[in-house]
Amino acid sequence: MLIDAHLHEKKFSADSFISLDMIIKKADELGLDGICITDHDSNAIRAEAAALSKKTGVLIITGAEVLTLEGDMTVFGLDRLPEKTVHANELIRITEAAGGVAICSHPYRQNNRGMGDFIRDLPLVRGIEAFNGSTPKHHNLKAYDLSLELNVAALGGSDAHVIDQVGKFATWMPDWVRDESSFIHAVKRGLTLPAAYNNGSYEVYGNDFYYKEASF
């Protein structure tokens, strides 16, 4: 099961240029099994995504990329998002209380939206976005190393805002991941691996890690 775990759709992410239909078509062309729509501080696309998922048979999970006072996190399973900017600890607390999961987004991106080494000070870390399609390779490598250090789930997502970026990176998950609940369960159990699209197919990376030598 391969899922692009970080995508922005243009209705609710003002900096995106791609529609949900465009994303689904591109994901199918790439051979992805599912997608996560994680708009900026919004999960308002949930109903549309659920209807389209039922119609097309494509797994579409709706989360949100939420900006905390320390940086971005993608959250899943949280129906009601905070109405104001909160600390990362608080976002994790309310997400966990709702049965969801919060993932540290692009930790080492240098735009004041990555939490960086602050992640080590969080009381609970469930997952780290190790491969992010809008982040330089050396920052992705630091994020991957941090996931190994903390022994938490490493995920991949394109962070696509334009069609050519869709599916650049993805997350491998067990085949029993079929909905939001099982997606959350897999992350919490650490049953994820980052993957990269290269030369027409996906390469999945585990502890025998070769991303440092990859050409993309």
N, C-alpha and C. Protein backbone atom coordinates (compact mmCIF):
# COMPACT_ATOMS: atom_id res chain seq x y z
N MET A 1 0.84 -1.18 0.00
CA MET A 1 0.00 0.00 0.00
C MET A 1 0.89 1.24 0.00
N LEU A 2 0.75 2.07 -1.04
CA LEU A 2 1.54 3.29 -1.17
C LEU A 2 0.61 4.51 -1.17
N ILE A 3 0.86 5.44 -0.26
CA ILE A 3 0.00 6.60 -0.07
C ILE A 3 0.84 7.86 -0.06
N ASP A 4 0.48 8.84 -0.89
CA ASP A 4 1.08 10.16 -0.78
C ASP A 4 0.40 10.85 0.40
N ALA A 5 1.15 11.05 1.49
CA ALA A 5 0.55 11.45 2.76
C ALA A 5 0.51 12.96 2.99
N HIS A 6 0.78 13.76 1.95
CA HIS A 6 0.79 15.21 2.17
C HIS A 6 0.52 15.92 0.83
N LEU A 7 -0.72 16.36 0.65
CA LEU A 7 -1.13 17.02 -0.59
C LEU A 7 -2.04 18.20 -0.27
N HIS A 8 -1.98 19.22 -1.13
CA HIS A 8 -2.82 20.41 -0.95
C HIS A 8 -3.72 20.59 -2.17
N GLU A 9 -5.02 20.77 -1.91
CA GLU A 9 -6.02 20.95 -2.94
C GLU A 9 -6.44 22.42 -2.97
N LYS A 10 -6.72 22.94 -4.14
CA LYS A 10 -6.81 24.39 -4.32
C LYS A 10 -8.03 25.05 -3.67
N LYS A 11 -9.09 24.30 -3.37
CA LYS A 11 -10.27 24.94 -2.77
C LYS A 11 -9.98 25.52 -1.39
N PHE A 12 -9.17 24.78 -0.63
CA PHE A 12 -8.97 25.19 0.76
C PHE A 12 -7.51 25.45 1.10
N SER A 13 -6.62 25.32 0.14
CA SER A 13 -5.23 25.76 0.29
C SER A 13 -5.00 26.81 -0.79
N ALA A 14 -4.94 28.06 -0.39
CA ALA A 14 -4.90 29.16 -1.35
C ALA A 14 -3.66 29.16 -2.22
N ASP A 15 -2.60 28.47 -1.78
CA ASP A 15 -1.35 28.44 -2.55
C ASP A 15 -1.26 27.22 -3.45
N SER A 16 -2.33 26.44 -3.54
CA SER A 16 -2.34 25.25 -4.40
C SER A 16 -3.01 25.55 -5.74
N PHE A 17 -2.58 24.83 -6.77
CA PHE A 17 -3.11 25.02 -8.12
C PHE A 17 -3.74 23.74 -8.66
N ILE A 18 -4.00 22.77 -7.80
CA ILE A 18 -4.49 21.47 -8.26
C ILE A 18 -5.80 21.11 -7.58
N SER A 19 -6.71 20.54 -8.38
CA SER A 19 -8.01 20.10 -7.87
C SER A 19 -7.92 18.66 -7.39
N LEU A 20 -8.92 18.23 -6.66
CA LEU A 20 -8.97 16.85 -6.19
C LEU A 20 -9.03 15.88 -7.35
N ASP A 21 -9.79 16.21 -8.38
CA ASP A 21 -9.85 15.35 -9.57
C ASP A 21 -8.48 15.20 -10.23
N MET A 22 -7.75 16.29 -10.33
CA MET A 22 -6.41 16.25 -10.93
C MET A 22 -5.47 15.38 -10.10
N ILE A 23 -5.57 15.50 -8.79
CA ILE A 23 -4.70 14.72 -7.91
C ILE A 23 -4.98 13.24 -8.06
N ILE A 24 -6.26 12.88 -8.07
CA ILE A 24 -6.63 11.46 -8.19
C ILE A 24 -6.14 10.87 -9.51
N LYS A 25 -6.32 11.61 -10.59
CA LYS A 25 -5.86 11.12 -11.90
C LYS A 25 -4.35 10.91 -11.91
N LYS A 26 -3.60 11.87 -11.39
CA LYS A 26 -2.15 11.75 -11.36
C LYS A 26 -1.71 10.60 -10.46
N ALA A 27 -2.35 10.45 -9.32
CA ALA A 27 -2.01 9.37 -8.40
C ALA A 27 -2.22 8.01 -9.05
N ASP A 28 -3.31 7.88 -9.81
CA ASP A 28 -3.59 6.63 -10.51
C ASP A 28 -2.52 6.35 -11.56
N GLU A 29 -2.10 7.37 -12.28
CA GLU A 29 -1.05 7.21 -13.29
C GLU A 29 0.26 6.73 -12.68
N LEU A 30 0.54 7.18 -11.47
CA LEU A 30 1.78 6.83 -10.80
C LEU A 30 1.72 5.47 -10.10
N GLY A 31 0.53 4.93 -9.97
CA GLY A 31 0.38 3.64 -9.30
C GLY A 31 0.20 3.74 -7.80
N LEU A 32 -0.17 4.91 -7.31
CA LEU A 32 -0.43 5.07 -5.87
C LEU A 32 -1.74 4.39 -5.49
N ASP A 33 -1.81 3.90 -4.27
CA ASP A 33 -3.01 3.26 -3.76
C ASP A 33 -3.93 4.22 -3.02
N GLY A 34 -3.38 5.36 -2.63
CA GLY A 34 -4.18 6.31 -1.89
C GLY A 34 -3.50 7.65 -1.76
N ILE A 35 -4.25 8.62 -1.27
CA ILE A 35 -3.73 9.98 -1.09
C ILE A 35 -4.27 10.54 0.22
N CYS A 36 -3.54 11.50 0.78
CA CYS A 36 -4.00 12.26 1.93
C CYS A 36 -4.07 13.73 1.53
N ILE A 37 -5.23 14.33 1.69
CA ILE A 37 -5.37 15.76 1.45
C ILE A 37 -5.19 16.47 2.80
N THR A 38 -4.16 17.30 2.87
CA THR A 38 -3.81 17.95 4.14
C THR A 38 -3.71 19.46 3.89
N ASP A 39 -4.84 20.09 3.71
CA ASP A 39 -4.85 21.52 3.42
C ASP A 39 -4.39 22.33 4.63
N HIS A 40 -4.00 23.56 4.37
CA HIS A 40 -3.49 24.43 5.43
C HIS A 40 -4.61 24.81 6.41
N ASP A 41 -4.46 24.31 7.64
CA ASP A 41 -5.39 24.67 8.72
C ASP A 41 -6.85 24.46 8.33
N SER A 42 -7.10 23.43 7.53
CA SER A 42 -8.47 23.16 7.08
C SER A 42 -8.65 21.69 6.74
N ASN A 43 -9.77 21.12 7.16
CA ASN A 43 -10.19 19.80 6.71
C ASN A 43 -11.57 19.87 6.07
N ALA A 44 -11.89 21.03 5.54
CA ALA A 44 -13.23 21.28 5.00
C ALA A 44 -13.54 20.47 3.75
N ILE A 45 -12.53 19.86 3.16
CA ILE A 45 -12.76 19.06 1.96
C ILE A 45 -13.21 17.65 2.30
N ARG A 46 -13.36 17.33 3.58
CA ARG A 46 -13.64 15.97 4.02
C ARG A 46 -14.85 15.35 3.33
N ALA A 47 -15.99 16.04 3.29
CA ALA A 47 -17.20 15.47 2.71
C ALA A 47 -17.03 15.20 1.22
N GLU A 48 -16.46 16.15 0.51
CA GLU A 48 -16.22 15.97 -0.93
C GLU A 48 -15.26 14.80 -1.17
N ALA A 49 -14.22 14.72 -0.36
CA ALA A 49 -13.24 13.65 -0.53
C ALA A 49 -13.86 12.29 -0.25
N ALA A 50 -14.69 12.20 0.78
CA ALA A 50 -15.34 10.93 1.10
C ALA A 50 -16.27 10.48 -0.02
N ALA A 51 -17.01 11.41 -0.59
CA ALA A 51 -17.92 11.08 -1.68
C ALA A 51 -17.15 10.62 -2.91
N LEU A 52 -16.06 11.32 -3.21
CA LEU A 52 -15.28 10.96 -4.39
C LEU A 52 -14.53 9.65 -4.18
N SER A 53 -14.11 9.38 -2.95
CA SER A 53 -13.47 8.11 -2.64
C SER A 53 -14.43 6.95 -2.86
N LYS A 54 -15.67 7.13 -2.42
CA LYS A 54 -16.69 6.10 -2.61
C LYS A 54 -16.99 5.89 -4.09
N LYS A 55 -17.03 6.98 -4.85
CA LYS A 55 -17.36 6.91 -6.27
C LYS A 55 -16.24 6.25 -7.08
N THR A 56 -15.00 6.58 -6.78
CA THR A 56 -13.86 6.12 -7.58
C THR A 56 -13.18 4.87 -7.04
N GLY A 57 -13.40 4.57 -5.76
CA GLY A 57 -12.71 3.44 -5.14
C GLY A 57 -11.29 3.76 -4.72
N VAL A 58 -10.88 5.03 -4.87
CA VAL A 58 -9.54 5.46 -4.47
C VAL A 58 -9.57 5.85 -3.00
N LEU A 59 -8.60 5.37 -2.23
CA LEU A 59 -8.51 5.74 -0.83
C LEU A 59 -8.11 7.21 -0.71
N ILE A 60 -8.99 8.02 -0.13
CA ILE A 60 -8.71 9.43 0.10
C ILE A 60 -8.91 9.71 1.58
N ILE A 61 -7.84 10.08 2.25
CA ILE A 61 -7.88 10.38 3.68
C ILE A 61 -7.72 11.89 3.84
N THR A 62 -8.58 12.48 4.63
CA THR A 62 -8.51 13.92 4.86
C THR A 62 -7.87 14.21 6.22
N GLY A 63 -6.80 14.97 6.19
CA GLY A 63 -6.18 15.47 7.41
C GLY A 63 -6.09 16.98 7.30
N ALA A 64 -5.10 17.55 7.94
CA ALA A 64 -4.86 19.00 7.84
C ALA A 64 -3.43 19.28 8.23
N GLU A 65 -2.82 20.24 7.55
CA GLU A 65 -1.50 20.71 7.96
C GLU A 65 -1.72 21.94 8.84
N VAL A 66 -1.44 21.78 10.12
CA VAL A 66 -1.74 22.81 11.10
C VAL A 66 -0.44 23.49 11.55
N LEU A 67 -0.43 24.79 11.49
CA LEU A 67 0.73 25.55 11.94
C LEU A 67 0.62 25.80 13.44
N THR A 68 1.55 25.24 14.20
CA THR A 68 1.63 25.50 15.63
C THR A 68 2.63 26.62 15.88
N LEU A 69 2.78 27.01 17.12
CA LEU A 69 3.73 28.06 17.47
C LEU A 69 5.17 27.62 17.24
N GLU A 70 5.37 26.30 17.13
CA GLU A 70 6.73 25.79 16.89
C GLU A 70 6.96 25.33 15.46
N GLY A 71 5.89 25.15 14.68
CA GLY A 71 6.04 24.68 13.31
C GLY A 71 4.85 23.84 12.88
N ASP A 72 4.92 23.29 11.68
CA ASP A 72 3.80 22.55 11.09
C ASP A 72 3.70 21.11 11.59
N MET A 73 2.46 20.66 11.70
CA MET A 73 2.17 19.25 11.94
C MET A 73 0.99 18.87 11.05
N THR A 74 1.03 17.67 10.49
CA THR A 74 -0.14 17.14 9.80
C THR A 74 -0.91 16.27 10.80
N VAL A 75 -2.20 16.52 10.90
CA VAL A 75 -3.02 15.80 11.87
C VAL A 75 -4.12 15.03 11.15
N PHE A 76 -4.41 13.86 11.70
CA PHE A 76 -5.46 12.99 11.16
C PHE A 76 -6.34 12.54 12.33
N GLY A 77 -7.64 12.45 12.05
CA GLY A 77 -8.57 12.00 13.08
C GLY A 77 -9.04 13.10 14.00
N LEU A 78 -8.74 14.34 13.67
CA LEU A 78 -9.18 15.48 14.48
C LEU A 78 -10.22 16.25 13.68
N ASP A 79 -11.48 16.08 14.02
CA ASP A 79 -12.56 16.70 13.26
C ASP A 79 -12.58 18.22 13.42
N ARG A 80 -12.38 18.67 14.65
CA ARG A 80 -12.43 20.11 14.93
C ARG A 80 -11.02 20.62 15.18
N LEU A 81 -10.54 21.45 14.28
CA LEU A 81 -9.19 21.99 14.40
C LEU A 81 -9.17 23.18 15.35
N PRO A 82 -8.03 23.47 15.96
CA PRO A 82 -7.94 24.64 16.84
C PRO A 82 -8.31 25.92 16.10
N GLU A 83 -9.01 26.81 16.78
CA GLU A 83 -9.42 28.07 16.17
C GLU A 83 -8.34 29.12 16.24
N LYS A 84 -7.32 28.88 17.03
CA LYS A 84 -6.18 29.79 17.11
C LYS A 84 -4.90 28.97 17.10
N THR A 85 -3.79 29.64 16.89
CA THR A 85 -2.50 28.94 16.85
C THR A 85 -2.12 28.50 18.26
N VAL A 86 -1.82 27.20 18.39
CA VAL A 86 -1.49 26.64 19.70
C VAL A 86 -0.07 26.07 19.67
N HIS A 87 0.44 25.73 20.84
CA HIS A 87 1.72 25.06 20.92
C HIS A 87 1.59 23.63 20.38
N ALA A 88 2.70 23.10 19.88
CA ALA A 88 2.71 21.74 19.36
C ALA A 88 2.24 20.73 20.41
N ASN A 89 2.67 20.91 21.66
CA ASN A 89 2.24 20.01 22.73
C ASN A 89 0.73 19.97 22.85
N GLU A 90 0.08 21.12 22.73
CA GLU A 90 -1.37 21.19 22.85
C GLU A 90 -2.05 20.53 21.67
N LEU A 91 -1.53 20.75 20.47
CA LEU A 91 -2.12 20.10 19.29
C LEU A 91 -2.01 18.58 19.41
N ILE A 92 -0.88 18.10 19.85
CA ILE A 92 -0.72 16.66 20.05
C ILE A 92 -1.72 16.15 21.07
N ARG A 93 -1.88 16.89 22.16
CA ARG A 93 -2.78 16.46 23.24
C ARG A 93 -4.22 16.31 22.74
N ILE A 94 -4.71 17.34 22.04
CA ILE A 94 -6.11 17.28 21.60
C ILE A 94 -6.29 16.26 20.48
N THR A 95 -5.26 16.06 19.67
CA THR A 95 -5.36 15.06 18.61
C THR A 95 -5.39 13.65 19.19
N GLU A 96 -4.51 13.38 20.14
CA GLU A 96 -4.49 12.08 20.80
C GLU A 96 -5.81 11.82 21.54
N ALA A 97 -6.34 12.84 22.19
CA ALA A 97 -7.60 12.69 22.92
C ALA A 97 -8.75 12.32 21.99
N ALA A 98 -8.66 12.77 20.74
CA ALA A 98 -9.69 12.46 19.74
C ALA A 98 -9.45 11.12 19.06
N GLY A 99 -8.37 10.45 19.42
CA GLY A 99 -8.05 9.17 18.80
C GLY A 99 -7.27 9.31 17.50
N GLY A 100 -6.76 10.51 17.26
CA GLY A 100 -6.03 10.76 16.02
C GLY A 100 -4.53 10.69 16.21
N VAL A 101 -3.82 11.21 15.20
CA VAL A 101 -2.36 11.20 15.25
C VAL A 101 -1.84 12.48 14.62
N ALA A 102 -0.79 13.03 15.22
CA ALA A 102 -0.13 14.23 14.71
C ALA A 102 1.28 13.87 14.27
N ILE A 103 1.66 14.32 13.08
CA ILE A 103 2.95 13.98 12.47
C ILE A 103 3.74 15.26 12.25
N CYS A 104 5.00 15.27 12.62
CA CYS A 104 5.85 16.44 12.45
C CYS A 104 6.19 16.62 10.97
N SER A 105 5.77 17.72 10.39
CA SER A 105 5.96 17.97 8.96
C SER A 105 7.33 18.58 8.68
N HIS A 106 7.96 18.12 7.60
CA HIS A 106 9.22 18.70 7.10
C HIS A 106 10.02 19.41 8.21
N PRO A 107 10.54 18.65 9.17
CA PRO A 107 11.11 19.25 10.38
C PRO A 107 12.23 20.26 10.16
N TYR A 108 13.04 20.04 9.13
CA TYR A 108 14.22 20.89 8.98
C TYR A 108 14.12 21.88 7.82
N ARG A 109 12.90 22.11 7.34
CA ARG A 109 12.72 23.12 6.32
C ARG A 109 13.00 24.51 6.92
N GLN A 110 13.72 25.31 6.16
CA GLN A 110 14.18 26.60 6.67
C GLN A 110 13.25 27.75 6.28
N ASN A 111 11.99 27.66 6.70
CA ASN A 111 11.05 28.74 6.41
C ASN A 111 10.18 29.07 7.63
N ASN A 112 10.73 28.76 8.80
CA ASN A 112 10.03 28.99 10.07
C ASN A 112 8.78 28.14 10.23
N ARG A 113 8.68 27.04 9.47
CA ARG A 113 7.54 26.15 9.62
C ARG A 113 7.95 24.73 9.99
N GLY A 114 9.25 24.49 10.08
CA GLY A 114 9.75 23.20 10.53
C GLY A 114 10.17 23.28 11.99
N MET A 115 9.85 22.27 12.78
CA MET A 115 10.14 22.31 14.22
C MET A 115 11.58 21.96 14.55
N GLY A 116 12.28 21.30 13.63
CA GLY A 116 13.68 20.99 13.83
C GLY A 116 13.94 20.20 15.10
N ASP A 117 15.02 20.54 15.79
CA ASP A 117 15.44 19.79 16.97
C ASP A 117 14.48 19.92 18.14
N PHE A 118 13.56 20.88 18.08
CA PHE A 118 12.55 21.01 19.14
C PHE A 118 11.75 19.73 19.29
N ILE A 119 11.67 18.94 18.22
CA ILE A 119 10.90 17.69 18.26
C ILE A 119 11.38 16.79 19.40
N ARG A 120 12.68 16.83 19.69
CA ARG A 120 13.22 15.99 20.77
C ARG A 120 12.63 16.36 22.13
N ASP A 121 12.11 17.56 22.27
CA ASP A 121 11.55 18.02 23.53
C ASP A 121 10.06 17.73 23.67
N LEU A 122 9.44 17.24 22.62
CA LEU A 122 8.02 16.91 22.69
C LEU A 122 7.81 15.68 23.56
N PRO A 123 6.78 15.66 24.37
CA PRO A 123 6.54 14.52 25.24
C PRO A 123 6.08 13.26 24.49
N LEU A 124 5.53 13.46 23.32
CA LEU A 124 5.04 12.33 22.53
C LEU A 124 5.22 12.63 21.04
N VAL A 125 5.97 11.79 20.36
CA VAL A 125 6.17 11.92 18.91
C VAL A 125 5.73 10.62 18.27
N ARG A 126 4.75 10.67 17.41
CA ARG A 126 4.23 9.47 16.75
C ARG A 126 4.85 9.24 15.37
N GLY A 127 5.15 10.33 14.67
CA GLY A 127 5.66 10.18 13.31
C GLY A 127 6.36 11.43 12.84
N ILE A 128 7.28 11.24 11.92
CA ILE A 128 8.04 12.34 11.32
C ILE A 128 7.97 12.20 9.81
N GLU A 129 7.66 13.30 9.13
CA GLU A 129 7.69 13.31 7.67
C GLU A 129 9.15 13.40 7.23
N ALA A 130 9.71 12.25 6.89
CA ALA A 130 11.13 12.18 6.54
C ALA A 130 11.38 12.63 5.11
N PHE A 131 10.51 12.24 4.19
CA PHE A 131 10.64 12.61 2.78
C PHE A 131 9.54 13.62 2.45
N ASN A 132 9.94 14.82 2.11
CA ASN A 132 8.98 15.86 1.73
C ASN A 132 9.39 16.43 0.39
N GLY A 133 8.46 16.46 -0.56
CA GLY A 133 8.78 16.82 -1.93
C GLY A 133 9.12 18.27 -2.15
N SER A 134 8.85 19.12 -1.17
CA SER A 134 9.17 20.54 -1.30
C SER A 134 10.34 20.95 -0.40
N THR A 135 11.12 19.98 0.02
CA THR A 135 12.21 20.21 0.96
C THR A 135 13.52 19.67 0.37
N PRO A 136 14.63 20.37 0.52
CA PRO A 136 15.92 19.89 0.00
C PRO A 136 16.32 18.53 0.59
N LYS A 137 17.08 17.79 -0.18
CA LYS A 137 17.44 16.43 0.23
C LYS A 137 18.16 16.39 1.58
N HIS A 138 19.10 17.31 1.82
CA HIS A 138 19.86 17.23 3.06
C HIS A 138 18.98 17.49 4.28
N HIS A 139 17.92 18.28 4.11
CA HIS A 139 16.99 18.46 5.22
C HIS A 139 16.11 17.23 5.40
N ASN A 140 15.74 16.58 4.31
CA ASN A 140 15.01 15.32 4.42
C ASN A 140 15.85 14.25 5.12
N LEU A 141 17.14 14.21 4.82
CA LEU A 141 18.02 13.23 5.46
C LEU A 141 18.09 13.45 6.96
N LYS A 142 18.15 14.70 7.39
CA LYS A 142 18.16 14.99 8.82
C LYS A 142 16.86 14.52 9.47
N ALA A 143 15.74 14.73 8.76
CA ALA A 143 14.45 14.31 9.30
C ALA A 143 14.39 12.79 9.40
N TYR A 144 14.91 12.10 8.40
CA TYR A 144 14.91 10.64 8.44
C TYR A 144 15.79 10.14 9.59
N ASP A 145 16.95 10.73 9.75
CA ASP A 145 17.83 10.35 10.85
C ASP A 145 17.16 10.57 12.21
N LEU A 146 16.40 11.65 12.32
CA LEU A 146 15.70 11.93 13.57
C LEU A 146 14.63 10.87 13.85
N SER A 147 13.94 10.42 12.80
CA SER A 147 12.93 9.37 12.99
C SER A 147 13.58 8.08 13.50
N LEU A 148 14.77 7.79 13.01
CA LEU A 148 15.49 6.60 13.48
C LEU A 148 15.95 6.79 14.92
N GLU A 149 16.46 7.97 15.21
CA GLU A 149 16.92 8.26 16.57
C GLU A 149 15.79 8.10 17.59
N LEU A 150 14.61 8.61 17.25
CA LEU A 150 13.48 8.57 18.16
C LEU A 150 12.66 7.30 18.04
N ASN A 151 12.99 6.48 17.04
CA ASN A 151 12.31 5.21 16.81
C ASN A 151 10.81 5.41 16.60
N VAL A 152 10.48 6.34 15.71
CA VAL A 152 9.08 6.61 15.39
C VAL A 152 8.86 6.43 13.89
N ALA A 153 7.60 6.41 13.51
CA ALA A 153 7.24 6.21 12.10
C ALA A 153 7.84 7.28 11.21
N ALA A 154 8.44 6.86 10.10
CA ALA A 154 8.93 7.77 9.07
C ALA A 154 7.98 7.70 7.89
N LEU A 155 7.53 8.88 7.43
CA LEU A 155 6.57 8.95 6.34
C LEU A 155 7.11 9.76 5.19
N GLY A 156 6.47 9.63 4.04
CA GLY A 156 6.81 10.41 2.86
C GLY A 156 5.58 11.04 2.26
N GLY A 157 5.73 12.27 1.80
CA GLY A 157 4.63 12.97 1.14
C GLY A 157 5.16 14.00 0.18
N SER A 158 4.44 14.25 -0.88
CA SER A 158 4.92 15.17 -1.90
C SER A 158 4.82 16.63 -1.47
N ASP A 159 3.87 16.94 -0.59
CA ASP A 159 3.59 18.34 -0.26
C ASP A 159 3.26 19.11 -1.54
N ALA A 160 2.56 18.44 -2.45
CA ALA A 160 2.32 19.00 -3.78
C ALA A 160 1.32 20.14 -3.74
N HIS A 161 1.66 21.21 -4.48
CA HIS A 161 0.77 22.32 -4.74
C HIS A 161 0.56 22.49 -6.25
N VAL A 162 1.37 21.78 -7.03
CA VAL A 162 1.26 21.75 -8.50
C VAL A 162 1.27 20.29 -8.94
N ILE A 163 0.73 20.04 -10.12
CA ILE A 163 0.47 18.66 -10.54
C ILE A 163 1.74 17.84 -10.69
N ASP A 164 2.83 18.45 -11.14
CA ASP A 164 4.05 17.68 -11.38
C ASP A 164 4.68 17.17 -10.10
N GLN A 165 4.31 17.73 -8.97
CA GLN A 165 4.88 17.30 -7.69
C GLN A 165 4.12 16.13 -7.07
N VAL A 166 2.91 15.89 -7.51
CA VAL A 166 2.09 14.83 -6.90
C VAL A 166 2.83 13.49 -6.98
N GLY A 167 2.91 12.82 -5.85
CA GLY A 167 3.51 11.49 -5.81
C GLY A 167 5.02 11.45 -5.82
N LYS A 168 5.69 12.58 -5.73
CA LYS A 168 7.16 12.56 -5.73
C LYS A 168 7.67 11.67 -4.61
N PHE A 169 7.06 11.80 -3.43
CA PHE A 169 7.34 10.90 -2.32
C PHE A 169 6.03 10.32 -1.82
N ALA A 170 6.12 9.18 -1.17
CA ALA A 170 4.93 8.50 -0.65
C ALA A 170 5.31 7.73 0.60
N THR A 171 4.31 7.08 1.18
CA THR A 171 4.50 6.28 2.38
C THR A 171 4.01 4.87 2.13
N TRP A 172 4.88 3.89 2.39
CA TRP A 172 4.46 2.49 2.35
C TRP A 172 3.77 2.15 3.66
N MET A 173 2.64 1.45 3.55
CA MET A 173 1.91 0.97 4.72
C MET A 173 1.40 -0.44 4.44
N PRO A 174 1.05 -1.19 5.48
CA PRO A 174 0.51 -2.54 5.27
C PRO A 174 -0.77 -2.51 4.43
N ASP A 175 -1.06 -3.60 3.78
CA ASP A 175 -2.22 -3.67 2.89
C ASP A 175 -3.54 -3.54 3.63
N TRP A 176 -3.52 -3.76 4.96
CA TRP A 176 -4.79 -3.64 5.70
C TRP A 176 -5.18 -2.19 5.98
N VAL A 177 -4.36 -1.25 5.58
CA VAL A 177 -4.74 0.16 5.71
C VAL A 177 -5.76 0.48 4.62
N ARG A 178 -7.00 0.73 5.04
CA ARG A 178 -8.09 0.94 4.09
C ARG A 178 -8.92 2.19 4.38
N ASP A 179 -8.63 2.87 5.49
CA ASP A 179 -9.42 4.05 5.86
C ASP A 179 -8.60 4.88 6.84
N GLU A 180 -9.21 5.97 7.32
CA GLU A 180 -8.50 6.87 8.23
C GLU A 180 -8.09 6.16 9.52
N SER A 181 -8.98 5.36 10.07
CA SER A 181 -8.71 4.69 11.33
C SER A 181 -7.50 3.75 11.23
N SER A 182 -7.45 2.95 10.17
CA SER A 182 -6.33 2.01 10.02
C SER A 182 -5.05 2.75 9.64
N PHE A 183 -5.16 3.88 8.94
CA PHE A 183 -4.00 4.72 8.65
C PHE A 183 -3.38 5.21 9.96
N ILE A 184 -4.23 5.73 10.84
CA ILE A 184 -3.76 6.21 12.14
C ILE A 184 -3.12 5.09 12.94
N HIS A 185 -3.74 3.93 12.92
CA HIS A 185 -3.23 2.78 13.66
C HIS A 185 -1.84 2.38 13.15
N ALA A 186 -1.66 2.39 11.85
CA ALA A 186 -0.37 2.02 11.27
C ALA A 186 0.73 3.00 11.69
N VAL A 187 0.41 4.29 11.68
CA VAL A 187 1.40 5.29 12.10
C VAL A 187 1.77 5.10 13.56
N LYS A 188 0.77 4.91 14.41
CA LYS A 188 1.04 4.77 15.84
C LYS A 188 1.86 3.52 16.14
N ARG A 189 1.71 2.50 15.33
CA ARG A 189 2.50 1.28 15.54
C ARG A 189 3.85 1.33 14.83
N GLY A 190 4.10 2.41 14.12
CA GLY A 190 5.38 2.54 13.42
C GLY A 190 5.49 1.69 12.18
N LEU A 191 4.35 1.33 11.59
CA LEU A 191 4.35 0.43 10.43
C LEU A 191 4.31 1.22 9.13
N THR A 192 5.27 2.10 8.96
CA THR A 192 5.36 2.92 7.75
C THR A 192 6.81 2.97 7.30
N LEU A 193 6.98 3.17 6.00
CA LEU A 193 8.30 3.38 5.43
C LEU A 193 8.19 4.47 4.35
N PRO A 194 9.15 5.36 4.25
CA PRO A 194 9.11 6.37 3.19
C PRO A 194 9.46 5.75 1.84
N ALA A 195 8.93 6.32 0.77
CA ALA A 195 9.18 5.83 -0.58
C ALA A 195 9.36 7.01 -1.52
N ALA A 196 10.13 6.77 -2.58
CA ALA A 196 10.40 7.83 -3.57
C ALA A 196 10.13 7.29 -4.96
N TYR A 197 9.53 8.15 -5.80
CA TYR A 197 9.26 7.77 -7.19
C TYR A 197 10.51 8.04 -8.03
N ASN A 198 10.98 7.02 -8.70
CA ASN A 198 12.23 7.13 -9.45
C ASN A 198 12.20 6.20 -10.66
N ASN A 199 12.37 6.78 -11.84
CA ASN A 199 12.43 5.98 -13.08
C ASN A 199 11.21 5.08 -13.26
N GLY A 200 10.04 5.64 -12.99
CA GLY A 200 8.80 4.94 -13.30
C GLY A 200 8.25 4.04 -12.23
N SER A 201 8.88 3.98 -11.06
CA SER A 201 8.36 3.14 -9.99
C SER A 201 8.79 3.69 -8.63
N TYR A 202 8.21 3.13 -7.59
CA TYR A 202 8.54 3.58 -6.25
C TYR A 202 9.61 2.68 -5.61
N GLU A 203 10.54 3.32 -4.95
CA GLU A 203 11.53 2.63 -4.14
C GLU A 203 11.19 2.89 -2.69
N VAL A 204 11.05 1.82 -1.93
CA VAL A 204 10.72 1.91 -0.51
C VAL A 204 11.99 1.76 0.29
N TYR A 205 12.15 2.63 1.28
CA TYR A 205 13.40 2.68 2.04
C TYR A 205 13.17 2.29 3.49
N GLY A 206 13.97 1.30 3.94
CA GLY A 206 13.95 0.90 5.33
C GLY A 206 15.29 1.21 5.96
N ASN A 207 15.72 0.36 6.87
CA ASN A 207 16.99 0.60 7.54
C ASN A 207 18.19 0.47 6.60
N ASP A 208 18.01 -0.33 5.53
CA ASP A 208 19.05 -0.41 4.50
C ASP A 208 18.82 0.77 3.54
N PHE A 209 19.19 1.94 3.98
CA PHE A 209 18.75 3.19 3.39
C PHE A 209 19.69 3.66 2.30
N TYR A 210 19.15 3.89 1.09
CA TYR A 210 19.99 4.31 -0.02
C TYR A 210 19.58 5.66 -0.60
N TYR A 211 18.75 6.37 0.10
CA TYR A 211 18.29 7.68 -0.39
C TYR A 211 19.48 8.65 -0.57
N LYS A 212 20.52 8.48 0.21
CA LYS A 212 21.69 9.36 0.11
C LYS A 212 22.33 9.26 -1.27
N GLU A 213 22.25 8.06 -1.88
CA GLU A 213 22.88 7.86 -3.16
C GLU A 213 21.92 8.04 -4.35
N ALA A 214 20.64 8.20 -4.06
CA ALA A 214 19.65 8.31 -5.14
C ALA A 214 19.84 9.62 -5.90
N SER A 215 19.48 9.61 -7.16
CA SER A 215 19.74 10.75 -8.04
C SER A 215 18.65 11.80 -8.01
N PHE A 216 17.45 11.47 -7.49
CA PHE A 216 16.33 12.42 -7.53
C PHE A 216 16.46 13.44 -6.42
